[in-house]
């Protein structure tokens, strides 16, 4: 089944809270994960409002589940690895809105090019990084063990680092870690 846009992909996901649970599992542990997820979704439906983060996390989890179901052959969450997560991130690249210049582009390394160019639109590194953070949390909230979390796999971390580095060079933008503000030194003197 070919999807032409992320909206089409997301529109195929059911909207009712009790149907939002992705049921693509068969083992006892996976059934336990599904029942935990059902309880979580039911609780979420009864609460007055969810935070924007929680809503986005739920949508991302459902989108990833839909991707696994549409995968050929269909893939159970328990068999999902970091390589499958990287494949999912590459799939999402086609829906990106960030211009990433190729090395042969005259605007390579320029943050604000003066004219349009034929370089592809991609998912921004920050968006992918935030997505993985939400999916990592959703996996554990739905009964997954932290040590089995495919979203925290080394392959995913390396992929994100490569995307960050290549986009930093191509777009001329530095992705330096934000430095923490240190508390001012105390003026108390000891005698």
N, C-alpha and C. Protein backbone atom coordinates (compact mmCIF):
# COMPACT_ATOMS: atom_id res chain seq x y z
N UNK A 1 0.85 -1.18 0.00
CA UNK A 1 0.00 0.00 0.00
C UNK A 1 0.89 1.23 0.00
N UNK A 2 0.82 2.05 -1.03
CA UNK A 2 1.66 3.23 -1.15
C UNK A 2 0.91 4.44 -0.63
N UNK A 3 1.57 5.18 0.27
CA UNK A 3 1.00 6.39 0.83
C UNK A 3 1.66 7.57 0.14
N UNK A 4 0.86 8.57 -0.21
CA UNK A 4 1.39 9.74 -0.88
C UNK A 4 1.77 10.86 0.07
N UNK A 5 1.28 10.80 1.29
CA UNK A 5 1.63 11.84 2.24
C UNK A 5 1.52 11.29 3.65
N UNK A 6 2.14 12.02 4.59
CA UNK A 6 2.07 11.63 5.98
C UNK A 6 0.63 11.72 6.48
N UNK A 7 -0.15 12.68 5.95
CA UNK A 7 -1.55 12.81 6.35
C UNK A 7 -2.34 11.57 5.97
N UNK A 8 -2.11 11.03 4.74
CA UNK A 8 -2.78 9.80 4.34
C UNK A 8 -2.38 8.66 5.25
N UNK A 9 -1.09 8.62 5.57
CA UNK A 9 -0.58 7.56 6.43
C UNK A 9 -1.26 7.63 7.80
N UNK A 10 -1.33 8.84 8.36
CA UNK A 10 -1.93 9.01 9.68
C UNK A 10 -3.44 8.85 9.65
N UNK A 11 -4.10 9.16 8.52
CA UNK A 11 -5.55 9.07 8.47
C UNK A 11 -6.04 7.63 8.51
N UNK A 12 -5.15 6.69 8.23
CA UNK A 12 -5.56 5.29 8.27
C UNK A 12 -5.53 4.73 9.68
N UNK A 13 -5.13 5.54 10.66
CA UNK A 13 -5.07 5.11 12.05
C UNK A 13 -6.41 5.42 12.72
N UNK A 14 -7.00 4.45 13.46
CA UNK A 14 -8.28 4.71 14.13
C UNK A 14 -8.14 5.81 15.17
N UNK A 15 -9.27 6.52 15.44
CA UNK A 15 -9.20 7.68 16.33
C UNK A 15 -9.73 7.44 17.73
N UNK A 16 -10.58 6.47 17.97
CA UNK A 16 -11.12 6.28 19.31
C UNK A 16 -10.03 5.79 20.24
N UNK A 17 -10.05 6.28 21.48
CA UNK A 17 -8.97 5.99 22.43
C UNK A 17 -8.81 4.49 22.67
N UNK A 18 -9.89 3.74 22.76
CA UNK A 18 -9.76 2.31 23.02
C UNK A 18 -9.31 1.56 21.78
N UNK A 19 -9.46 2.16 20.60
CA UNK A 19 -9.00 1.51 19.37
C UNK A 19 -7.61 1.99 18.97
N UNK A 20 -7.07 2.94 19.73
CA UNK A 20 -5.75 3.47 19.40
C UNK A 20 -4.63 2.51 19.74
N UNK A 21 -4.95 1.40 20.38
CA UNK A 21 -3.92 0.45 20.79
C UNK A 21 -3.53 -0.38 19.58
N UNK A 22 -2.26 -0.50 19.40
CA UNK A 22 -1.75 -1.24 18.27
C UNK A 22 -1.71 -2.71 18.67
N UNK A 23 -2.47 -3.54 17.98
CA UNK A 23 -2.53 -4.95 18.32
C UNK A 23 -1.89 -5.76 17.21
N UNK A 24 -0.57 -5.92 17.30
CA UNK A 24 0.13 -6.69 16.30
C UNK A 24 1.05 -7.68 17.00
N UNK A 25 0.59 -8.17 18.18
CA UNK A 25 1.42 -9.04 18.99
C UNK A 25 0.75 -10.37 19.23
N UNK A 26 1.57 -11.38 19.61
CA UNK A 26 1.00 -12.70 19.84
C UNK A 26 1.53 -13.39 21.09
N UNK A 27 2.72 -13.08 21.56
CA UNK A 27 3.26 -13.78 22.72
C UNK A 27 2.61 -13.27 23.99
N UNK A 28 2.79 -14.01 25.09
CA UNK A 28 2.19 -13.61 26.37
C UNK A 28 2.71 -12.25 26.83
N UNK A 29 4.02 -12.03 26.69
CA UNK A 29 4.59 -10.75 27.11
C UNK A 29 4.00 -9.61 26.28
N UNK A 30 3.81 -9.85 25.00
CA UNK A 30 3.24 -8.83 24.13
C UNK A 30 1.78 -8.59 24.46
N UNK A 31 1.04 -9.66 24.84
CA UNK A 31 -0.35 -9.47 25.26
C UNK A 31 -0.41 -8.61 26.51
N UNK A 32 0.56 -8.81 27.41
CA UNK A 32 0.62 -8.00 28.62
C UNK A 32 0.88 -6.54 28.26
N UNK A 33 1.78 -6.31 27.27
CA UNK A 33 2.06 -4.95 26.81
C UNK A 33 0.80 -4.32 26.23
N UNK A 34 0.02 -5.09 25.47
CA UNK A 34 -1.20 -4.58 24.86
C UNK A 34 -2.23 -4.23 25.92
N UNK A 35 -2.38 -5.08 26.94
CA UNK A 35 -3.36 -4.77 27.98
C UNK A 35 -2.94 -3.54 28.78
N UNK A 36 -1.64 -3.38 29.00
CA UNK A 36 -1.15 -2.17 29.67
C UNK A 36 -1.46 -0.94 28.82
N UNK A 37 -1.24 -1.06 27.53
CA UNK A 37 -1.51 0.05 26.62
C UNK A 37 -3.00 0.38 26.59
N UNK A 38 -3.87 -0.65 26.64
CA UNK A 38 -5.32 -0.42 26.65
C UNK A 38 -5.70 0.36 27.90
N UNK A 39 -5.15 -0.03 29.04
CA UNK A 39 -5.45 0.68 30.29
C UNK A 39 -4.96 2.12 30.21
N UNK A 40 -3.79 2.31 29.65
CA UNK A 40 -3.25 3.67 29.49
C UNK A 40 -4.15 4.51 28.59
N UNK A 41 -4.59 3.94 27.47
CA UNK A 41 -5.43 4.67 26.53
C UNK A 41 -6.79 4.99 27.15
N UNK A 42 -7.34 4.05 27.90
CA UNK A 42 -8.63 4.30 28.53
C UNK A 42 -8.51 5.40 29.57
N UNK A 43 -7.43 5.36 30.36
CA UNK A 43 -7.19 6.41 31.35
C UNK A 43 -7.02 7.75 30.65
N UNK A 44 -6.29 7.75 29.56
CA UNK A 44 -6.06 8.98 28.80
C UNK A 44 -7.37 9.54 28.26
N UNK A 45 -8.28 8.66 27.84
CA UNK A 45 -9.55 9.11 27.28
C UNK A 45 -10.42 9.74 28.36
N UNK A 46 -10.30 9.25 29.60
CA UNK A 46 -11.15 9.78 30.65
C UNK A 46 -10.60 11.06 31.27
N UNK A 47 -9.30 11.30 31.15
CA UNK A 47 -8.77 12.55 31.70
C UNK A 47 -9.28 13.72 30.87
N UNK A 48 -9.39 14.87 31.52
CA UNK A 48 -10.00 16.02 30.84
C UNK A 48 -9.24 16.41 29.58
N UNK A 49 -7.94 16.66 29.69
CA UNK A 49 -7.15 16.98 28.50
C UNK A 49 -5.74 16.43 28.69
N UNK A 50 -5.18 15.97 27.61
CA UNK A 50 -3.79 15.51 27.64
C UNK A 50 -2.90 16.66 27.20
N UNK A 51 -1.67 16.61 27.63
CA UNK A 51 -0.74 17.66 27.20
C UNK A 51 -0.44 17.48 25.72
N UNK A 52 0.07 18.52 25.14
CA UNK A 52 0.44 18.47 23.72
C UNK A 52 1.47 17.37 23.49
N UNK A 53 2.42 17.26 24.41
CA UNK A 53 3.45 16.22 24.32
C UNK A 53 2.83 14.83 24.35
N UNK A 54 1.91 14.59 25.29
CA UNK A 54 1.28 13.27 25.40
C UNK A 54 0.47 12.94 24.15
N UNK A 55 -0.24 13.90 23.61
CA UNK A 55 -1.00 13.68 22.38
C UNK A 55 -0.07 13.34 21.22
N UNK A 56 1.03 14.08 21.11
CA UNK A 56 1.99 13.82 20.03
C UNK A 56 2.63 12.45 20.20
N UNK A 57 2.95 12.09 21.44
CA UNK A 57 3.56 10.79 21.71
C UNK A 57 2.61 9.67 21.31
N UNK A 58 1.34 9.82 21.62
CA UNK A 58 0.34 8.81 21.25
C UNK A 58 0.21 8.71 19.74
N UNK A 59 0.17 9.85 19.05
CA UNK A 59 0.09 9.83 17.58
C UNK A 59 1.32 9.17 16.96
N UNK A 60 2.50 9.50 17.49
CA UNK A 60 3.73 8.91 16.98
C UNK A 60 3.75 7.40 17.19
N UNK A 61 3.30 6.95 18.36
CA UNK A 61 3.25 5.52 18.67
C UNK A 61 2.30 4.82 17.70
N UNK A 62 1.15 5.40 17.46
CA UNK A 62 0.19 4.82 16.53
C UNK A 62 0.73 4.80 15.10
N UNK A 63 1.42 5.85 14.71
CA UNK A 63 2.01 5.91 13.37
C UNK A 63 3.07 4.82 13.20
N UNK A 64 3.90 4.63 14.22
CA UNK A 64 4.92 3.59 14.13
C UNK A 64 4.26 2.21 14.06
N UNK A 65 3.22 2.00 14.84
CA UNK A 65 2.48 0.72 14.79
C UNK A 65 1.88 0.48 13.43
N UNK A 66 1.34 1.52 12.82
CA UNK A 66 0.77 1.41 11.48
C UNK A 66 1.88 1.06 10.48
N UNK A 67 3.03 1.67 10.65
CA UNK A 67 4.18 1.36 9.78
C UNK A 67 4.56 -0.11 9.90
N UNK A 68 4.57 -0.64 11.13
CA UNK A 68 4.92 -2.04 11.33
C UNK A 68 3.87 -2.96 10.69
N UNK A 69 2.62 -2.59 10.79
CA UNK A 69 1.56 -3.41 10.19
C UNK A 69 1.63 -3.39 8.67
N UNK A 70 2.00 -2.25 8.10
CA UNK A 70 2.10 -2.12 6.64
C UNK A 70 3.43 -2.64 6.09
N UNK A 71 4.36 -2.93 6.98
CA UNK A 71 5.66 -3.45 6.58
C UNK A 71 5.45 -4.79 5.89
N UNK A 72 6.24 -5.06 4.87
CA UNK A 72 6.14 -6.35 4.17
C UNK A 72 7.39 -7.15 4.42
N UNK A 73 7.33 -8.29 5.09
CA UNK A 73 6.15 -8.87 5.76
C UNK A 73 5.83 -8.07 7.02
N UNK A 74 4.55 -8.14 7.51
CA UNK A 74 4.20 -7.43 8.74
C UNK A 74 5.17 -7.81 9.87
N UNK A 75 5.44 -6.84 10.72
CA UNK A 75 6.48 -7.01 11.73
C UNK A 75 5.90 -6.83 13.12
N UNK A 76 6.13 -7.81 14.00
CA UNK A 76 5.69 -7.69 15.40
C UNK A 76 6.67 -6.78 16.14
N UNK A 77 6.16 -6.06 17.11
CA UNK A 77 6.99 -5.13 17.89
C UNK A 77 8.15 -5.87 18.56
N UNK A 78 7.91 -7.09 19.02
CA UNK A 78 8.96 -7.85 19.71
C UNK A 78 10.12 -8.20 18.77
N UNK A 79 9.88 -8.20 17.47
CA UNK A 79 10.92 -8.55 16.48
C UNK A 79 11.54 -7.30 15.87
N UNK A 80 11.09 -6.14 16.32
CA UNK A 80 11.57 -4.87 15.78
C UNK A 80 12.96 -4.56 16.35
N UNK A 81 13.86 -4.14 15.49
CA UNK A 81 15.22 -3.81 15.92
C UNK A 81 15.53 -2.36 15.58
N UNK A 82 16.72 -1.94 15.95
CA UNK A 82 17.16 -0.60 15.62
C UNK A 82 17.20 -0.37 14.12
N UNK A 83 17.50 -1.41 13.36
CA UNK A 83 17.53 -1.30 11.89
C UNK A 83 16.14 -0.97 11.35
N UNK A 84 15.11 -1.55 11.95
CA UNK A 84 13.74 -1.26 11.51
C UNK A 84 13.36 0.18 11.85
N UNK A 85 13.83 0.67 13.00
CA UNK A 85 13.56 2.05 13.39
C UNK A 85 14.25 3.00 12.41
N UNK A 86 15.49 2.70 12.03
CA UNK A 86 16.20 3.53 11.06
C UNK A 86 15.47 3.52 9.72
N UNK A 87 14.96 2.35 9.32
CA UNK A 87 14.18 2.24 8.08
C UNK A 87 12.94 3.13 8.15
N UNK A 88 12.29 3.17 9.32
CA UNK A 88 11.12 4.03 9.54
C UNK A 88 11.51 5.50 9.40
N UNK A 89 12.63 5.89 9.98
CA UNK A 89 13.08 7.29 9.89
C UNK A 89 13.40 7.67 8.45
N UNK A 90 13.99 6.75 7.70
CA UNK A 90 14.27 7.02 6.28
C UNK A 90 12.97 7.15 5.48
N UNK A 91 11.98 6.34 5.84
CA UNK A 91 10.67 6.43 5.20
C UNK A 91 10.06 7.82 5.45
N UNK A 92 10.18 8.31 6.67
CA UNK A 92 9.61 9.62 7.02
C UNK A 92 10.30 10.77 6.29
N UNK A 93 11.53 10.55 5.85
CA UNK A 93 12.29 11.60 5.17
C UNK A 93 11.54 12.19 3.98
N UNK A 94 10.73 11.38 3.30
CA UNK A 94 10.02 11.88 2.12
C UNK A 94 8.99 12.94 2.46
N UNK A 95 8.61 13.05 3.73
CA UNK A 95 7.62 14.04 4.14
C UNK A 95 8.27 15.28 4.76
N UNK A 96 9.59 15.39 4.68
CA UNK A 96 10.31 16.49 5.32
C UNK A 96 10.07 17.83 4.66
N UNK A 97 10.39 18.89 5.39
CA UNK A 97 10.20 20.25 4.88
C UNK A 97 11.47 21.09 5.01
N UNK A 98 12.59 20.43 5.32
CA UNK A 98 13.84 21.13 5.52
C UNK A 98 14.76 20.92 4.32
N UNK A 99 15.18 22.00 3.69
CA UNK A 99 16.08 21.93 2.53
C UNK A 99 17.47 21.53 3.01
N UNK A 100 17.98 20.42 2.47
CA UNK A 100 19.31 19.95 2.82
C UNK A 100 20.13 19.92 1.52
N UNK A 101 21.11 20.81 1.43
CA UNK A 101 21.90 20.96 0.20
C UNK A 101 22.88 19.82 0.02
N UNK A 102 23.02 19.38 -1.24
CA UNK A 102 24.01 18.35 -1.55
C UNK A 102 25.37 19.03 -1.69
N UNK A 103 26.43 18.23 -1.66
CA UNK A 103 27.78 18.80 -1.70
C UNK A 103 28.08 19.52 -3.01
N UNK A 104 27.37 19.17 -4.10
CA UNK A 104 27.63 19.83 -5.38
C UNK A 104 26.79 21.10 -5.55
N UNK A 105 25.88 21.36 -4.63
CA UNK A 105 25.02 22.55 -4.69
C UNK A 105 25.86 23.80 -4.38
N UNK A 106 25.67 24.88 -5.14
CA UNK A 106 26.44 26.11 -4.85
C UNK A 106 26.09 26.72 -3.48
N UNK A 107 24.97 26.31 -2.91
CA UNK A 107 24.56 26.87 -1.61
C UNK A 107 24.89 25.95 -0.44
N UNK A 108 25.67 24.91 -0.70
CA UNK A 108 26.09 23.99 0.35
C UNK A 108 26.81 24.78 1.45
N UNK A 109 26.34 24.64 2.67
CA UNK A 109 26.94 25.33 3.80
C UNK A 109 26.39 26.72 4.07
N UNK A 110 25.43 27.18 3.26
CA UNK A 110 24.82 28.49 3.46
C UNK A 110 23.49 28.33 4.19
N UNK A 111 23.34 28.97 5.34
CA UNK A 111 22.07 28.83 6.08
C UNK A 111 20.88 29.50 5.38
N UNK A 112 21.14 30.59 4.66
CA UNK A 112 20.07 31.31 3.96
C UNK A 112 20.45 31.53 2.50
N UNK A 113 20.22 30.53 1.64
CA UNK A 113 20.60 30.69 0.23
C UNK A 113 19.79 31.79 -0.44
N UNK A 114 20.41 32.54 -1.36
CA UNK A 114 19.74 33.68 -2.00
C UNK A 114 18.74 33.28 -3.09
N UNK A 115 18.79 32.04 -3.55
CA UNK A 115 17.90 31.61 -4.64
C UNK A 115 17.51 30.15 -4.42
N UNK A 116 16.43 29.72 -5.08
CA UNK A 116 16.02 28.31 -4.93
C UNK A 116 17.02 27.36 -5.60
N UNK A 117 17.00 26.12 -5.15
CA UNK A 117 17.86 25.09 -5.73
C UNK A 117 17.10 23.77 -5.73
N UNK A 118 17.56 22.79 -6.51
CA UNK A 118 16.83 21.52 -6.62
C UNK A 118 17.13 20.51 -5.51
N UNK A 119 17.82 20.92 -4.46
CA UNK A 119 18.16 19.98 -3.40
C UNK A 119 16.90 19.45 -2.71
N UNK A 120 16.98 18.23 -2.16
CA UNK A 120 15.79 17.59 -1.59
C UNK A 120 15.36 18.19 -0.26
N UNK A 121 14.08 18.01 0.05
CA UNK A 121 13.55 18.37 1.36
C UNK A 121 13.64 17.11 2.22
N UNK A 122 14.07 17.29 3.44
CA UNK A 122 14.25 16.16 4.36
C UNK A 122 13.65 16.50 5.71
N UNK A 123 13.55 15.47 6.55
CA UNK A 123 13.16 15.71 7.94
C UNK A 123 14.34 16.37 8.64
N UNK A 124 14.06 17.38 9.42
CA UNK A 124 15.12 18.05 10.17
C UNK A 124 15.61 17.14 11.29
N UNK A 125 16.90 17.24 11.60
CA UNK A 125 17.48 16.41 12.65
C UNK A 125 16.74 16.59 13.97
N UNK A 126 16.43 17.82 14.33
CA UNK A 126 15.75 18.06 15.61
C UNK A 126 14.40 17.37 15.69
N UNK A 127 13.68 17.32 14.57
CA UNK A 127 12.39 16.63 14.54
C UNK A 127 12.55 15.14 14.73
N UNK A 128 13.55 14.56 14.08
CA UNK A 128 13.79 13.12 14.22
C UNK A 128 14.24 12.78 15.64
N UNK A 129 15.09 13.62 16.20
CA UNK A 129 15.58 13.40 17.55
C UNK A 129 14.43 13.45 18.56
N UNK A 130 13.55 14.42 18.42
CA UNK A 130 12.39 14.53 19.31
C UNK A 130 11.44 13.34 19.12
N UNK A 131 11.24 12.92 17.88
CA UNK A 131 10.38 11.77 17.58
C UNK A 131 10.91 10.52 18.28
N UNK A 132 12.20 10.27 18.17
CA UNK A 132 12.78 9.09 18.81
C UNK A 132 12.63 9.18 20.32
N UNK A 133 12.78 10.35 20.89
CA UNK A 133 12.59 10.52 22.33
C UNK A 133 11.17 10.15 22.75
N UNK A 134 10.18 10.60 21.98
CA UNK A 134 8.78 10.29 22.30
C UNK A 134 8.49 8.81 22.13
N UNK A 135 9.00 8.21 21.05
CA UNK A 135 8.76 6.79 20.82
C UNK A 135 9.47 5.92 21.86
N UNK A 136 10.62 6.36 22.28
CA UNK A 136 11.36 5.63 23.33
C UNK A 136 10.55 5.61 24.63
N UNK A 137 9.98 6.76 24.98
CA UNK A 137 9.15 6.85 26.19
C UNK A 137 7.87 6.03 26.03
N UNK A 138 7.24 6.11 24.86
CA UNK A 138 5.98 5.39 24.63
C UNK A 138 6.21 3.88 24.70
N UNK A 139 7.33 3.40 24.19
CA UNK A 139 7.65 1.97 24.24
C UNK A 139 7.65 1.48 25.68
N UNK A 140 8.32 2.21 26.54
CA UNK A 140 8.42 1.80 27.94
C UNK A 140 7.09 1.98 28.68
N UNK A 141 6.33 3.01 28.34
CA UNK A 141 5.03 3.21 28.96
C UNK A 141 4.03 2.12 28.58
N UNK A 142 4.25 1.51 27.43
CA UNK A 142 3.35 0.46 26.96
C UNK A 142 3.88 -0.93 27.31
N UNK A 143 4.71 -1.02 28.34
CA UNK A 143 5.12 -2.31 28.86
C UNK A 143 6.44 -2.85 28.36
N UNK A 144 7.12 -2.13 27.50
CA UNK A 144 8.41 -2.61 27.00
C UNK A 144 9.51 -2.40 28.01
N UNK A 145 10.50 -3.27 27.96
CA UNK A 145 11.65 -3.16 28.87
C UNK A 145 12.66 -2.19 28.28
N UNK A 146 13.27 -1.39 29.13
CA UNK A 146 14.23 -0.38 28.68
C UNK A 146 15.39 -1.02 27.90
N UNK A 147 15.85 -2.20 28.34
CA UNK A 147 16.98 -2.83 27.67
C UNK A 147 16.61 -3.42 26.31
N UNK A 148 15.30 -3.60 26.05
CA UNK A 148 14.84 -4.13 24.75
C UNK A 148 14.31 -3.04 23.84
N UNK A 149 14.46 -1.79 24.23
CA UNK A 149 13.87 -0.67 23.49
C UNK A 149 14.61 -0.45 22.17
N UNK A 150 13.96 -0.73 21.02
CA UNK A 150 14.64 -0.56 19.73
C UNK A 150 14.94 0.90 19.41
N UNK A 151 14.23 1.83 20.07
CA UNK A 151 14.44 3.26 19.79
C UNK A 151 15.70 3.79 20.47
N UNK A 152 16.25 3.01 21.38
CA UNK A 152 17.49 3.40 22.05
C UNK A 152 18.68 2.63 21.53
N UNK A 153 18.49 1.89 20.44
CA UNK A 153 19.55 1.06 19.88
C UNK A 153 20.71 1.90 19.35
N UNK A 154 21.88 1.31 19.33
CA UNK A 154 23.08 1.99 18.86
C UNK A 154 22.92 2.45 17.41
N UNK A 155 22.29 1.63 16.58
CA UNK A 155 22.10 1.98 15.17
C UNK A 155 21.30 3.27 15.02
N UNK A 156 20.31 3.45 15.89
CA UNK A 156 19.47 4.66 15.84
C UNK A 156 20.30 5.87 16.27
N UNK A 157 21.06 5.73 17.34
CA UNK A 157 21.90 6.84 17.81
C UNK A 157 22.92 7.25 16.74
N UNK A 158 23.54 6.26 16.10
CA UNK A 158 24.52 6.56 15.05
C UNK A 158 23.86 7.22 13.85
N UNK A 159 22.66 6.74 13.48
CA UNK A 159 21.93 7.34 12.36
C UNK A 159 21.62 8.82 12.66
N UNK A 160 21.13 9.09 13.87
CA UNK A 160 20.79 10.47 14.25
C UNK A 160 22.04 11.35 14.26
N UNK A 161 23.15 10.80 14.72
CA UNK A 161 24.40 11.58 14.73
C UNK A 161 24.83 11.92 13.30
N UNK A 162 24.72 10.94 12.40
CA UNK A 162 25.08 11.18 11.00
C UNK A 162 24.17 12.24 10.37
N UNK A 163 22.87 12.17 10.64
CA UNK A 163 21.93 13.15 10.11
C UNK A 163 22.27 14.54 10.64
N UNK A 164 22.54 14.62 11.94
CA UNK A 164 22.89 15.92 12.55
C UNK A 164 24.14 16.50 11.90
N UNK A 165 25.17 15.67 11.77
CA UNK A 165 26.44 16.17 11.22
C UNK A 165 26.29 16.58 9.75
N UNK A 166 25.60 15.76 8.97
CA UNK A 166 25.46 16.09 7.54
C UNK A 166 24.59 17.32 7.34
N UNK A 167 23.53 17.46 8.13
CA UNK A 167 22.68 18.65 7.99
C UNK A 167 23.39 19.89 8.50
N UNK A 168 24.20 19.74 9.52
CA UNK A 168 24.96 20.88 10.04
C UNK A 168 25.88 21.43 8.96
N UNK A 169 26.57 20.54 8.25
CA UNK A 169 27.49 20.97 7.18
C UNK A 169 26.71 21.52 5.98
N UNK A 170 25.65 20.81 5.58
CA UNK A 170 24.91 21.20 4.38
C UNK A 170 24.16 22.51 4.56
N UNK A 171 23.68 22.77 5.75
CA UNK A 171 22.86 23.96 5.98
C UNK A 171 23.66 25.08 6.63
N UNK A 172 24.90 24.83 7.02
CA UNK A 172 25.72 25.86 7.64
C UNK A 172 25.22 26.26 9.01
N UNK A 173 24.64 25.29 9.72
CA UNK A 173 24.07 25.56 11.04
C UNK A 173 24.78 24.67 12.05
N UNK A 174 25.20 25.25 13.15
CA UNK A 174 25.87 24.49 14.19
C UNK A 174 24.84 23.92 15.16
N UNK A 175 24.95 22.64 15.44
CA UNK A 175 24.07 22.00 16.42
C UNK A 175 24.83 21.75 17.70
N UNK A 176 25.37 22.80 18.28
CA UNK A 176 26.11 22.65 19.53
C UNK A 176 25.13 22.42 20.67
N UNK A 177 25.57 21.62 21.64
CA UNK A 177 24.72 21.41 22.81
C UNK A 177 24.59 22.73 23.55
N UNK A 178 23.40 22.96 24.07
CA UNK A 178 23.20 24.18 24.85
C UNK A 178 23.94 24.02 26.17
N UNK A 179 24.66 25.06 26.53
CA UNK A 179 25.42 25.00 27.78
C UNK A 179 24.50 25.39 28.93
N UNK A 180 24.62 24.64 30.00
CA UNK A 180 23.81 24.94 31.17
C UNK A 180 24.30 26.21 31.83
N UNK A 181 23.33 26.96 32.34
CA UNK A 181 23.71 28.15 33.09
C UNK A 181 24.13 27.69 34.47
N UNK A 182 25.32 28.09 34.85
CA UNK A 182 25.81 27.71 36.17
C UNK A 182 25.25 28.69 37.19
N UNK A 183 24.89 28.15 38.36
CA UNK A 183 24.41 29.07 39.39
C UNK A 183 25.51 30.01 39.82
N UNK A 184 25.15 31.25 40.14
CA UNK A 184 26.18 32.21 40.54
C UNK A 184 26.90 31.71 41.79
N UNK A 185 28.20 31.97 41.90
CA UNK A 185 28.93 31.51 43.08
C UNK A 185 28.38 32.17 44.34
N UNK A 186 28.30 31.39 45.37
CA UNK A 186 27.75 31.92 46.62
C UNK A 186 28.75 32.89 47.24
N UNK A 187 28.22 33.91 47.89
CA UNK A 187 29.06 34.93 48.50
C UNK A 187 29.39 34.62 49.94
N UNK A 188 28.98 33.47 50.41
CA UNK A 188 29.27 33.08 51.79
C UNK A 188 30.75 32.75 51.93
N UNK A 189 31.36 33.33 52.93
CA UNK A 189 32.78 33.04 53.17
C UNK A 189 32.88 32.17 54.41
N UNK A 190 33.81 31.28 54.38
CA UNK A 190 33.99 30.40 55.56
C UNK A 190 35.17 30.90 56.35
N UNK A 191 35.05 30.93 57.70
CA UNK A 191 36.16 31.41 58.52
C UNK A 191 36.67 30.32 59.40
